[in-house]
Amino acid sequence: MNLRHGLTEHRAYLQPTSDGNFLVLAIHQGPGSESFIANVASSDDEFDQWFTGTLVDLHGIDTSGPMPPSAIRKL
């Protein structure tokens, strides 16, 4: 999946917050990083569809609308 979408690295971390909830920090690196989520959400690939469904189930992301904001930081 990473190779198909132009990522050289894809990492995710679960960060506890002060209110007892959690925040997911996802780091996507590579030339496809800025469009990764939108591209996966619109892909017909079987794995990408599973991955998108899992994001929806776990995080409540609505892939039919705009993608959630991201804090893109270029190093």
Protein backbone atom coordinates (compact mmCIF):
# COMPACT_ATOMS: atom_id res chain seq x y z
CA MET A 1 0.00 0.00 0.00
CA ASN A 2 2.73 2.47 0.91
CA LEU A 3 4.57 1.91 -2.36
CA ARG A 4 1.40 2.25 -4.44
CA HIS A 5 0.57 5.57 -2.77
CA GLY A 6 4.06 7.08 -2.81
CA LEU A 7 4.93 6.73 0.87
CA THR A 8 8.40 5.93 2.11
CA GLU A 9 7.25 5.62 5.73
CA HIS A 10 3.90 5.30 7.50
CA ARG A 11 3.77 5.29 11.30
CA ALA A 12 0.95 5.70 13.82
CA TYR A 13 1.05 6.41 17.54
CA LEU A 14 -1.65 6.39 20.20
CA GLN A 15 -1.23 9.46 22.42
CA PRO A 16 -3.15 9.72 25.71
CA THR A 17 -4.72 13.13 26.35
CA SER A 18 -5.27 14.92 29.66
CA ASP A 19 -9.03 14.23 29.58
CA GLY A 20 -8.51 10.45 29.50
CA ASN A 21 -9.14 10.07 25.77
CA PHE A 22 -6.61 9.27 23.08
CA LEU A 23 -5.32 11.00 19.98
CA VAL A 24 -3.94 9.10 16.99
CA LEU A 25 -0.83 10.63 15.50
CA ALA A 26 -0.26 9.36 11.96
CA ILE A 27 2.94 10.22 10.17
CA HIS A 28 3.09 9.78 6.40
CA GLN A 29 6.36 10.52 4.64
CA GLY A 30 7.13 10.52 0.94
CA PRO A 31 5.93 12.22 -2.23
CA GLY A 32 2.38 10.88 -1.80
CA SER A 33 1.99 11.95 1.82
CA GLU A 34 -0.21 15.02 1.28
CA SER A 35 -2.84 13.11 -0.73
CA PHE A 36 -2.49 9.70 0.97
CA ILE A 37 -5.80 9.53 2.87
CA ALA A 38 -7.86 10.95 -0.01
CA ASN A 39 -6.21 8.53 -2.48
CA VAL A 40 -6.75 5.49 -0.24
CA ALA A 41 -10.38 6.51 0.37
CA SER A 42 -11.07 6.68 -3.38
CA SER A 43 -9.11 3.53 -4.30
CA ASP A 44 -10.73 0.37 -5.67
CA ASP A 45 -7.91 -1.80 -4.29
CA GLU A 46 -9.22 -4.49 -1.91
CA PHE A 47 -6.67 -3.72 0.83
CA ASP A 48 -7.26 0.03 0.55
CA GLN A 49 -11.00 -0.52 0.93
CA TRP A 50 -10.38 -2.62 4.06
CA PHE A 51 -8.00 0.03 5.42
CA THR A 52 -10.52 2.82 4.78
CA GLY A 53 -13.30 0.79 6.42
CA THR A 54 -11.09 0.28 9.47
CA LEU A 55 -10.39 4.03 9.69
CA VAL A 56 -14.13 4.68 9.53
CA ASP A 57 -14.88 2.07 12.21
CA LEU A 58 -12.10 3.14 14.61
CA HIS A 59 -12.05 6.90 14.12
CA GLY A 60 -15.43 7.81 12.66
CA ILE A 61 -13.89 9.47 9.62
CA ASP A 62 -16.52 10.21 6.96
CA THR A 63 -14.77 9.47 3.66
CA SER A 64 -17.73 10.78 1.62
CA GLY A 65 -16.94 14.36 2.64
CA PRO A 66 -13.79 16.41 3.10
CA MET A 67 -10.91 14.72 4.84
CA PRO A 68 -10.14 15.80 8.40
CA PRO A 69 -7.61 18.59 8.79
CA SER A 70 -4.00 17.58 9.04
CA ALA A 71 -1.02 19.33 10.47
CA ILE A 72 1.41 18.98 7.60
CA ARG A 73 4.91 19.82 8.60
CA LYS A 74 7.63 19.58 6.02
CA LEU A 75 11.08 18.92 7.35
